[in-house]
Amino acid sequence: MLREWQMERPKLLLSIHGGSENFSLSPKVKQTFSKGLITAALSTGAWILSDGINTGVSKYVGEAVKTFGSHDLRKRNTVGITPWGVIDNNTDLIGRDAFRPYYPVGNPFSKRSCLSGFHSHFLLVDDGTQGKHGCQHGLRQKLEKQIQLQKIHPRLNQGVPVVCVVVEGGPAIVSTVLDYVSRAPPVPVFVFKGSGRAADLLAFLHKHTSVDRQLKTDIEEDFLARIGDVFALDMAEATNLYALLLQCMECLPAQLNIHSSMKTYSIYASVLNP
């Protein structure tokens, strides 16, 4: 990526996770996320990673770049790591050492997604599946760990910090968060309260388990029902997901941060100088 695309070595990696289907954010949360993300990226020389599609949280990443990003395209280090099988008109991209025009306008009758036109680079992951998300996660995880090993400066013994940012999201996001906070060293996770689904469940549990890491019995029953309602799960599935959510709280809870204010961007940048 540094050699072929002449990308500048990142000083921070912002890994954005959330829902892949379209969802609505309140104007306040959208403004907080968009401005905070781009301010952090531009002020620290960060790379932004997302799924790179023009739906869900990746679409909001693209809109943030469009609204607040630098006009200098060389500074737009926004990388989409995208499953090949979910991309609409993906055959238009096939070629070797050739310029292949791609128009990010989707067919309204297609079940596939377009690439986000406001991402600057893409890594397309093909495991043979069609219309299924998930095959990109292994590559993304390995890439993030490899980037962490890189030095910010030749004379400094500090690797590239990684920050996970969660906006909305389905049940799989809980396992993603658990993976980040369980790593050695753990990766800070910033959850956007008010963005919906998984993010709001994490925010609620974080607030109500801050003392002894357990919910009170009456709150626990309501929370299990809420998990089931949010994700359309039966009681057994909701209980299993609740166990994963509790593990997120138990694994170095200081690494799990809930944000809903315009101060978020300064917290991103503080990762470089803890």
C-alpha atoms as a PDB file:
ATOM      1  CA  MET A   1       0.000   0.000   0.000  1.00  0.00           C
ATOM      2  CA  LEU A   2       2.887   2.344   0.759  1.00  0.00           C
ATOM      3  CA  ARG A   3       4.762   1.333  -2.375  1.00  0.00           C
ATOM      4  CA  GLU A   4       1.993   0.810  -4.932  1.00  0.00           C
ATOM      5  CA  TRP A   5      -0.337   3.583  -3.838  1.00  0.00           C
ATOM      6  CA  GLN A   6       2.294   5.927  -2.351  1.00  0.00           C
ATOM      7  CA  MET A   7       0.190   6.228   0.807  1.00  0.00           C
ATOM      8  CA  GLU A   8       1.820   7.982   3.733  1.00  0.00           C
ATOM      9  CA  ARG A   9       2.613   5.701   6.665  1.00  0.00           C
ATOM     10  CA  PRO A  10      -0.232   6.133   9.204  1.00  0.00           C
ATOM     11  CA  LYS A  11       0.330   7.557  12.672  1.00  0.00           C
ATOM     12  CA  LEU A  12      -3.062   6.292  13.851  1.00  0.00           C
ATOM     13  CA  LEU A  13      -5.532   3.725  12.528  1.00  0.00           C
ATOM     14  CA  LEU A  14      -9.258   4.393  12.966  1.00  0.00           C
ATOM     15  CA  SER A  15     -11.184   1.183  12.320  1.00  0.00           C
ATOM     16  CA  ILE A  16     -14.895   1.889  11.850  1.00  0.00           C
ATOM     17  CA  HIS A  17     -17.421  -0.860  12.575  1.00  0.00           C
ATOM     18  CA  GLY A  18     -21.214  -0.919  12.511  1.00  0.00           C
ATOM     19  CA  GLY A  19     -24.249  -1.938  10.527  1.00  0.00           C
ATOM     20  CA  SER A  20     -23.852  -2.839   6.860  1.00  0.00           C
ATOM     21  CA  GLU A  21     -27.498  -2.072   6.078  1.00  0.00           C
ATOM     22  CA  ASN A  22     -28.799   1.488   5.920  1.00  0.00           C
ATOM     23  CA  PHE A  23     -29.853   3.022   9.220  1.00  0.00           C
ATOM     24  CA  SER A  24     -30.664   6.540  10.381  1.00  0.00           C
ATOM     25  CA  LEU A  25     -28.557   8.667  12.707  1.00  0.00           C
ATOM     26  CA  SER A  26     -29.886  11.710  14.500  1.00  0.00           C
ATOM     27  CA  PRO A  27     -28.405  14.981  13.222  1.00  0.00           C
ATOM     28  CA  LYS A  28     -26.463  15.390  16.490  1.00  0.00           C
ATOM     29  CA  VAL A  29     -24.889  11.933  16.403  1.00  0.00           C
ATOM     30  CA  LYS A  30     -24.126  12.224  12.684  1.00  0.00           C
ATOM     31  CA  GLN A  31     -22.434  15.601  13.189  1.00  0.00           C
ATOM     32  CA  THR A  32     -20.452  14.302  16.160  1.00  0.00           C
ATOM     33  CA  PHE A  33     -19.281  11.214  14.319  1.00  0.00           C
ATOM     34  CA  SER A  34     -18.493  12.951  11.035  1.00  0.00           C
ATOM     35  CA  LYS A  35     -16.633  15.969  12.353  1.00  0.00           C
ATOM     36  CA  GLY A  36     -14.854  14.000  15.079  1.00  0.00           C
ATOM     37  CA  LEU A  37     -13.698  11.302  12.684  1.00  0.00           C
ATOM     38  CA  ILE A  38     -12.279  13.609  10.036  1.00  0.00           C
ATOM     39  CA  THR A  39     -10.754  16.056  12.524  1.00  0.00           C
ATOM     40  CA  ALA A  40      -8.958  13.159  14.198  1.00  0.00           C
ATOM     41  CA  ALA A  41      -7.771  11.709  10.896  1.00  0.00           C
ATOM     42  CA  LEU A  42      -6.446  14.989   9.486  1.00  0.00           C
ATOM     43  CA  SER A  43      -4.819  16.185  12.725  1.00  0.00           C
ATOM     44  CA  THR A  44      -2.992  12.911  13.398  1.00  0.00           C
ATOM     45  CA  GLY A  45      -2.226  11.571   9.930  1.00  0.00           C
ATOM     46  CA  ALA A  46      -4.565   8.611  10.429  1.00  0.00           C
ATOM     47  CA  TRP A  47      -5.878   6.001   8.072  1.00  0.00           C
ATOM     48  CA  ILE A  48      -9.598   5.221   8.234  1.00  0.00           C
ATOM     49  CA  LEU A  49     -10.736   1.647   7.594  1.00  0.00           C
ATOM     50  CA  SER A  50     -14.322   0.638   6.832  1.00  0.00           C
ATOM     51  CA  ASP A  51     -16.237  -1.897   4.734  1.00  0.00           C
ATOM     52  CA  GLY A  52     -16.126   0.585   1.865  1.00  0.00           C
ATOM     53  CA  ILE A  53     -19.696   0.127   0.638  1.00  0.00           C
ATOM     54  CA  ASN A  54     -22.254   2.860   0.074  1.00  0.00           C
ATOM     55  CA  THR A  55     -24.627   1.584   2.749  1.00  0.00           C
ATOM     56  CA  GLY A  56     -24.646   1.465   6.537  1.00  0.00           C
ATOM     57  CA  VAL A  57     -21.808   2.897   8.579  1.00  0.00           C
ATOM     58  CA  SER A  58     -19.446   2.988   5.563  1.00  0.00           C
ATOM     59  CA  LYS A  59     -21.842   5.368   3.842  1.00  0.00           C
ATOM     60  CA  TYR A  60     -21.619   7.696   6.842  1.00  0.00           C
ATOM     61  CA  VAL A  61     -17.825   7.480   6.651  1.00  0.00           C
ATOM     62  CA  GLY A  62     -18.006   8.535   3.001  1.00  0.00           C
ATOM     63  CA  GLU A  63     -20.362  11.399   3.814  1.00  0.00           C
ATOM     64  CA  ALA A  64     -18.006  12.539   6.576  1.00  0.00           C
ATOM     65  CA  VAL A  65     -15.119  12.629   4.089  1.00  0.00           C
ATOM     66  CA  LYS A  66     -17.277  14.534   1.617  1.00  0.00           C
ATOM     67  CA  THR A  67     -18.394  17.133   4.164  1.00  0.00           C
ATOM     68  CA  PHE A  68     -15.319  17.624   6.340  1.00  0.00           C
ATOM     69  CA  GLY A  69     -12.453  16.004   4.423  1.00  0.00           C
ATOM     70  CA  SER A  70      -9.460  17.695   2.880  1.00  0.00           C
ATOM     71  CA  HIS A  71      -9.742  18.781  -0.751  1.00  0.00           C
ATOM     72  CA  ASP A  72      -6.272  17.295  -1.230  1.00  0.00           C
ATOM     73  CA  LEU A  73      -7.050  13.753  -2.445  1.00  0.00           C
ATOM     74  CA  ARG A  74      -3.586  12.602  -1.365  1.00  0.00           C
ATOM     75  CA  LYS A  75      -4.629  13.144   2.256  1.00  0.00           C
ATOM     76  CA  ARG A  76      -7.792  11.083   1.958  1.00  0.00           C
ATOM     77  CA  ASN A  77      -6.473   7.817   3.324  1.00  0.00           C
ATOM     78  CA  THR A  78      -9.881   6.187   3.653  1.00  0.00           C
ATOM     79  CA  VAL A  79      -9.589   2.488   2.853  1.00  0.00           C
ATOM     80  CA  GLY A  80     -12.504   0.188   2.142  1.00  0.00           C
ATOM     81  CA  ILE A  81     -11.910  -3.522   2.824  1.00  0.00           C
ATOM     82  CA  THR A  82     -14.839  -4.988   0.940  1.00  0.00           C
ATOM     83  CA  PRO A  83     -16.209  -8.450   0.095  1.00  0.00           C
ATOM     84  CA  TRP A  84     -16.001  -8.904  -3.669  1.00  0.00           C
ATOM     85  CA  GLY A  85     -19.267 -10.850  -3.731  1.00  0.00           C
ATOM     86  CA  VAL A  86     -21.409  -7.995  -2.361  1.00  0.00           C
ATOM     87  CA  ILE A  87     -20.297  -5.379  -4.906  1.00  0.00           C
ATOM     88  CA  ASP A  88     -22.772  -4.467  -7.620  1.00  0.00           C
ATOM     89  CA  ASN A  89     -21.237  -4.510 -11.119  1.00  0.00           C
ATOM     90  CA  ASN A  90     -18.021  -5.978  -9.728  1.00  0.00           C
ATOM     91  CA  THR A  91     -17.019  -7.392 -13.127  1.00  0.00           C
ATOM     92  CA  ASP A  92     -16.475  -3.783 -14.257  1.00  0.00           C
ATOM     93  CA  LEU A  93     -13.464  -3.740 -11.939  1.00  0.00           C
ATOM     94  CA  ILE A  94     -11.636  -6.713 -13.448  1.00  0.00           C
ATOM     95  CA  GLY A  95      -8.354  -5.868 -15.140  1.00  0.00           C
ATOM     96  CA  ARG A  96      -4.603  -5.954 -14.713  1.00  0.00           C
ATOM     97  CA  ASP A  97      -2.505  -2.800 -14.959  1.00  0.00           C
ATOM     98  CA  ALA A  98      -5.497  -1.074 -16.495  1.00  0.00           C
ATOM     99  CA  PHE A  99      -7.755   1.868 -15.713  1.00  0.00           C
ATOM    100  CA  ARG A 100     -11.252   0.542 -15.013  1.00  0.00           C
ATOM    101  CA  PRO A 101     -13.991   3.174 -14.585  1.00  0.00           C
ATOM    102  CA  TYR A 102     -16.583   2.351 -11.945  1.00  0.00           C
ATOM    103  CA  TYR A 103     -19.812   4.217 -11.384  1.00  0.00           C
ATOM    104  CA  PRO A 104     -21.007   4.063  -7.743  1.00  0.00           C
ATOM    105  CA  VAL A 105     -24.685   4.198  -8.663  1.00  0.00           C
ATOM    106  CA  GLY A 106     -26.579   1.120  -7.609  1.00  0.00           C
ATOM    107  CA  ASN A 107     -29.445  -0.687  -9.266  1.00  0.00           C
ATOM    108  CA  PRO A 108     -32.470  -0.128  -6.992  1.00  0.00           C
ATOM    109  CA  PHE A 109     -33.575  -3.714  -7.674  1.00  0.00           C
ATOM    110  CA  SER A 110     -30.175  -5.248  -6.852  1.00  0.00           C
ATOM    111  CA  LYS A 111     -29.494  -6.896  -3.497  1.00  0.00           C
ATOM    112  CA  ARG A 112     -25.834  -5.983  -3.767  1.00  0.00           C
ATOM    113  CA  SER A 113     -24.063  -2.767  -2.755  1.00  0.00           C
ATOM    114  CA  CYS A 114     -22.018  -0.141  -4.555  1.00  0.00           C
ATOM    115  CA  LEU A 115     -18.600   0.977  -3.463  1.00  0.00           C
ATOM    116  CA  SER A 116     -18.517   4.309  -1.645  1.00  0.00           C
ATOM    117  CA  GLY A 117     -17.227   6.953  -4.025  1.00  0.00           C
ATOM    118  CA  PHE A 118     -15.643   8.929  -1.172  1.00  0.00           C
ATOM    119  CA  HIS A 119     -13.223   6.222  -0.082  1.00  0.00           C
ATOM    120  CA  SER A 120      -9.782   6.727  -1.575  1.00  0.00           C
ATOM    121  CA  HIS A 121      -8.587   3.104  -1.770  1.00  0.00           C
ATOM    122  CA  PHE A 122     -10.102  -0.386  -1.747  1.00  0.00           C
ATOM    123  CA  LEU A 123      -8.967  -3.897  -0.915  1.00  0.00           C
ATOM    124  CA  LEU A 124     -11.486  -6.322  -2.426  1.00  0.00           C
ATOM    125  CA  VAL A 125     -11.672  -9.722  -0.720  1.00  0.00           C
ATOM    126  CA  ASP A 126     -12.924 -12.714  -2.728  1.00  0.00           C
ATOM    127  CA  ASP A 127     -13.576 -16.076  -1.040  1.00  0.00           C
ATOM    128  CA  GLY A 128     -15.985 -17.281  -3.714  1.00  0.00           C
ATOM    129  CA  THR A 129     -19.183 -16.328  -1.891  1.00  0.00           C
ATOM    130  CA  GLN A 130     -21.835 -14.096  -3.448  1.00  0.00           C
ATOM    131  CA  GLY A 131     -23.901 -11.526  -1.569  1.00  0.00           C
ATOM    132  CA  LYS A 132     -22.424 -12.413   1.833  1.00  0.00           C
ATOM    133  CA  HIS A 133     -20.580 -10.129   4.228  1.00  0.00           C
ATOM    134  CA  GLY A 134     -17.871 -11.355   6.561  1.00  0.00           C
ATOM    135  CA  CYS A 135     -15.098 -12.778   4.389  1.00  0.00           C
ATOM    136  CA  GLN A 136     -13.169  -9.511   4.718  1.00  0.00           C
ATOM    137  CA  HIS A 137     -12.838  -9.672   8.504  1.00  0.00           C
ATOM    138  CA  GLY A 138      -9.846 -12.019   8.571  1.00  0.00           C
ATOM    139  CA  LEU A 139      -7.814  -9.896   6.180  1.00  0.00           C
ATOM    140  CA  ARG A 140      -8.815  -6.714   7.970  1.00  0.00           C
ATOM    141  CA  GLN A 141      -7.759  -8.111  11.337  1.00  0.00           C
ATOM    142  CA  LYS A 142      -4.368  -9.253   9.983  1.00  0.00           C
ATOM    143  CA  LEU A 143      -3.807  -5.915   8.239  1.00  0.00           C
ATOM    144  CA  GLU A 144      -4.561  -3.971  11.422  1.00  0.00           C
ATOM    145  CA  LYS A 145      -2.146  -6.101  13.438  1.00  0.00           C
ATOM    146  CA  GLN A 146       0.542  -5.652  10.790  1.00  0.00           C
ATOM    147  CA  ILE A 147       0.047  -1.876  10.796  1.00  0.00           C
ATOM    148  CA  GLN A 148       0.337  -1.868  14.602  1.00  0.00           C
ATOM    149  CA  LEU A 149       3.855  -3.275  14.242  1.00  0.00           C
ATOM    150  CA  GLN A 150       4.985  -0.304  12.127  1.00  0.00           C
ATOM    151  CA  LYS A 151       6.849   2.509  13.848  1.00  0.00           C
ATOM    152  CA  ILE A 152       5.365   5.997  13.816  1.00  0.00           C
ATOM    153  CA  HIS A 153       8.890   7.376  13.474  1.00  0.00           C
ATOM    154  CA  PRO A 154      12.216   5.562  12.893  1.00  0.00           C
ATOM    155  CA  ARG A 155      13.657   7.014  16.118  1.00  0.00           C
ATOM    156  CA  LEU A 156      10.604   6.210  18.249  1.00  0.00           C
ATOM    157  CA  ASN A 157       9.815   2.800  19.637  1.00  0.00           C
ATOM    158  CA  GLN A 158       6.069   3.346  19.352  1.00  0.00           C
ATOM    159  CA  GLY A 159       3.908   1.335  16.989  1.00  0.00           C
ATOM    160  CA  VAL A 160       0.842   2.667  15.208  1.00  0.00           C
ATOM    161  CA  PRO A 161      -2.091   2.922  17.666  1.00  0.00           C
ATOM    162  CA  VAL A 162      -5.387   1.368  16.589  1.00  0.00           C
ATOM    163  CA  VAL A 163      -8.786   2.644  17.694  1.00  0.00           C
ATOM    164  CA  CYS A 164     -12.063   0.818  17.070  1.00  0.00           C
ATOM    165  CA  VAL A 165     -15.110   3.035  16.533  1.00  0.00           C
ATOM    166  CA  VAL A 166     -18.582   1.490  16.829  1.00  0.00           C
ATOM    167  CA  VAL A 167     -21.676   3.066  15.265  1.00  0.00           C
ATOM    168  CA  GLU A 168     -24.930   1.065  15.465  1.00  0.00           C
ATOM    169  CA  GLY A 169     -24.259  -2.538  14.388  1.00  0.00           C
ATOM    170  CA  GLY A 170     -25.708  -6.040  14.552  1.00  0.00           C
ATOM    171  CA  PRO A 171     -24.942  -8.965  16.898  1.00  0.00           C
ATOM    172  CA  ALA A 172     -21.586  -9.664  15.220  1.00  0.00           C
ATOM    173  CA  ILE A 173     -20.304  -6.268  16.371  1.00  0.00           C
ATOM    174  CA  VAL A 174     -20.325  -7.528  19.976  1.00  0.00           C
ATOM    175  CA  SER A 175     -17.808 -10.250  19.086  1.00  0.00           C
ATOM    176  CA  THR A 176     -15.744  -7.654  17.207  1.00  0.00           C
ATOM    177  CA  VAL A 177     -15.625  -5.410  20.283  1.00  0.00           C
ATOM    178  CA  LEU A 178     -14.694  -8.360  22.506  1.00  0.00           C
ATOM    179  CA  ASP A 179     -11.824  -9.214  20.159  1.00  0.00           C
ATOM    180  CA  TYR A 180     -10.435  -5.679  20.354  1.00  0.00           C
ATOM    181  CA  VAL A 181     -10.624  -5.282  24.146  1.00  0.00           C
ATOM    182  CA  SER A 182      -9.204  -8.797  24.649  1.00  0.00           C
ATOM    183  CA  ARG A 183      -6.052  -8.224  22.607  1.00  0.00           C
ATOM    184  CA  ALA A 184      -2.635  -7.767  24.172  1.00  0.00           C
ATOM    185  CA  PRO A 185      -2.306  -4.864  24.343  1.00  0.00           C
ATOM    186  CA  PRO A 186      -6.024  -4.083  24.256  1.00  0.00           C
ATOM    187  CA  VAL A 187      -7.399  -1.775  21.579  1.00  0.00           C
ATOM    188  CA  PRO A 188      -9.493   1.208  22.761  1.00  0.00           C
ATOM    189  CA  VAL A 189     -13.113   1.016  21.608  1.00  0.00           C
ATOM    190  CA  PHE A 190     -15.202   4.166  21.178  1.00  0.00           C
ATOM    191  CA  VAL A 191     -18.944   3.520  21.126  1.00  0.00           C
ATOM    192  CA  PHE A 192     -21.324   6.163  19.789  1.00  0.00           C
ATOM    193  CA  LYS A 193     -24.263   6.259  22.171  1.00  0.00           C
ATOM    194  CA  GLY A 194     -27.528   7.047  20.430  1.00  0.00           C
ATOM    195  CA  SER A 195     -26.541   5.469  17.112  1.00  0.00           C
ATOM    196  CA  GLY A 196     -28.711   2.376  17.685  1.00  0.00           C
ATOM    197  CA  ARG A 197     -28.682  -1.407  18.150  1.00  0.00           C
ATOM    198  CA  ALA A 198     -25.346  -2.885  19.315  1.00  0.00           C
ATOM    199  CA  ALA A 199     -23.808   0.501  20.156  1.00  0.00           C
ATOM    200  CA  ASP A 200     -26.727   1.438  22.402  1.00  0.00           C
ATOM    201  CA  LEU A 201     -26.747  -1.963  24.120  1.00  0.00           C
ATOM    202  CA  LEU A 202     -23.041  -1.604  24.868  1.00  0.00           C
ATOM    203  CA  ALA A 203     -23.584   1.932  26.147  1.00  0.00           C
ATOM    204  CA  PHE A 204     -26.458   0.849  28.413  1.00  0.00           C
ATOM    205  CA  LEU A 205     -24.550  -2.074  29.872  1.00  0.00           C
ATOM    206  CA  HIS A 206     -21.428   0.031  30.376  1.00  0.00           C
ATOM    207  CA  LYS A 207     -23.443   2.570  32.367  1.00  0.00           C
ATOM    208  CA  HIS A 208     -25.238   0.035  34.565  1.00  0.00           C
ATOM    209  CA  THR A 209     -22.274  -2.237  35.316  1.00  0.00           C
ATOM    210  CA  SER A 210     -19.739   0.458  36.194  1.00  0.00           C
ATOM    211  CA  VAL A 211     -19.646  -0.600  39.866  1.00  0.00           C
ATOM    212  CA  ASP A 212     -19.668  -4.399  40.127  1.00  0.00           C
ATOM    213  CA  ARG A 213     -19.786  -5.490  36.448  1.00  0.00           C
ATOM    214  CA  GLN A 214     -23.206  -7.098  36.914  1.00  0.00           C
ATOM    215  CA  LEU A 215     -26.748  -5.922  36.260  1.00  0.00           C
ATOM    216  CA  LYS A 216     -29.335  -5.981  38.991  1.00  0.00           C
ATOM    217  CA  THR A 217     -31.798  -8.849  38.576  1.00  0.00           C
ATOM    218  CA  ASP A 218     -34.784  -6.694  37.596  1.00  0.00           C
ATOM    219  CA  ILE A 219     -32.712  -4.710  35.074  1.00  0.00           C
ATOM    220  CA  GLU A 220     -31.179  -7.911  33.709  1.00  0.00           C
ATOM    221  CA  GLU A 221     -34.560  -9.375  32.794  1.00  0.00           C
ATOM    222  CA  ASP A 222     -35.559  -6.221  30.941  1.00  0.00           C
ATOM    223  CA  PHE A 223     -32.166  -6.047  29.226  1.00  0.00           C
ATOM    224  CA  LEU A 224     -32.425  -9.647  27.982  1.00  0.00           C
ATOM    225  CA  ALA A 225     -35.843  -8.842  26.547  1.00  0.00           C
ATOM    226  CA  ARG A 226     -34.394  -5.725  24.944  1.00  0.00           C
ATOM    227  CA  ILE A 227     -31.599  -7.741  23.288  1.00  0.00           C
ATOM    228  CA  GLY A 228     -34.197 -10.113  21.882  1.00  0.00           C
ATOM    229  CA  ASP A 229     -36.322  -7.260  20.563  1.00  0.00           C
ATOM    230  CA  VAL A 230     -33.410  -5.343  19.010  1.00  0.00           C
ATOM    231  CA  PHE A 231     -32.020  -8.335  17.100  1.00  0.00           C
ATOM    232  CA  ALA A 232     -35.132 -10.542  16.816  1.00  0.00           C
ATOM    233  CA  LEU A 233     -33.496 -13.320  18.911  1.00  0.00           C
ATOM    234  CA  ASP A 234     -35.067 -16.017  21.041  1.00  0.00           C
ATOM    235  CA  MET A 235     -34.252 -16.197  24.757  1.00  0.00           C
ATOM    236  CA  ALA A 236     -31.370 -18.663  24.342  1.00  0.00           C
ATOM    237  CA  GLU A 237     -29.735 -16.541  21.643  1.00  0.00           C
ATOM    238  CA  ALA A 238     -30.274 -13.354  23.659  1.00  0.00           C
ATOM    239  CA  THR A 239     -28.707 -15.004  26.724  1.00  0.00           C
ATOM    240  CA  ASN A 240     -25.625 -16.029  24.734  1.00  0.00           C
ATOM    241  CA  LEU A 241     -25.230 -12.521  23.353  1.00  0.00           C
ATOM    242  CA  TYR A 242     -25.677 -11.069  26.843  1.00  0.00           C
ATOM    243  CA  ALA A 243     -22.779 -13.242  28.047  1.00  0.00           C
ATOM    244  CA  LEU A 244     -20.580 -11.784  25.288  1.00  0.00           C
ATOM    245  CA  LEU A 245     -21.646  -8.262  26.211  1.00  0.00           C
ATOM    246  CA  LEU A 246     -20.675  -8.908  29.841  1.00  0.00           C
ATOM    247  CA  GLN A 247     -17.273 -10.183  28.712  1.00  0.00           C
ATOM    248  CA  CYS A 248     -16.758  -6.884  26.909  1.00  0.00           C
ATOM    249  CA  MET A 249     -17.368  -5.095  30.203  1.00  0.00           C
ATOM    250  CA  GLU A 250     -15.006  -7.393  32.118  1.00  0.00           C
ATOM    251  CA  CYS A 251     -12.061  -7.151  29.703  1.00  0.00           C
ATOM    252  CA  LEU A 252     -10.311  -3.992  30.798  1.00  0.00           C
ATOM    253  CA  PRO A 253     -13.434  -1.791  30.930  1.00  0.00           C
ATOM    254  CA  ALA A 254     -11.262   1.316  30.766  1.00  0.00           C
ATOM    255  CA  GLN A 255     -10.720   0.459  27.097  1.00  0.00           C
ATOM    256  CA  LEU A 256     -14.459   0.782  26.378  1.00  0.00           C
ATOM    257  CA  ASN A 257     -15.461   4.415  26.001  1.00  0.00           C
ATOM    258  CA  ILE A 258     -18.956   5.770  25.418  1.00  0.00           C
ATOM    259  CA  HIS A 259     -19.241   9.086  23.606  1.00  0.00           C
ATOM    260  CA  SER A 260     -22.032  11.392  22.602  1.00  0.00           C
ATOM    261  CA  SER A 261     -20.438  14.855  22.628  1.00  0.00           C
ATOM    262  CA  MET A 262     -18.442  17.033  20.261  1.00  0.00           C
ATOM    263  CA  LYS A 263     -15.303  16.399  22.356  1.00  0.00           C
ATOM    264  CA  THR A 264     -14.876  13.007  20.713  1.00  0.00           C
ATOM    265  CA  TYR A 265     -12.349  14.191  18.143  1.00  0.00           C
ATOM    266  CA  SER A 266      -9.902  15.355  20.826  1.00  0.00           C
ATOM    267  CA  ILE A 267     -10.116  11.951  22.521  1.00  0.00           C
ATOM    268  CA  TYR A 268      -9.171  10.250  19.253  1.00  0.00           C
ATOM    269  CA  ALA A 269      -6.083  12.379  18.988  1.00  0.00           C
ATOM    270  CA  SER A 270      -5.143  11.774  22.627  1.00  0.00           C
ATOM    271  CA  VAL A 271      -4.466   8.134  21.820  1.00  0.00           C
ATOM    272  CA  LEU A 272      -1.146   9.254  20.385  1.00  0.00           C
ATOM    273  CA  ASN A 273      -0.218  10.915  23.688  1.00  0.00           C
ATOM    274  CA  PRO A 274      -1.934   8.915  26.462  1.00  0.00           C
END
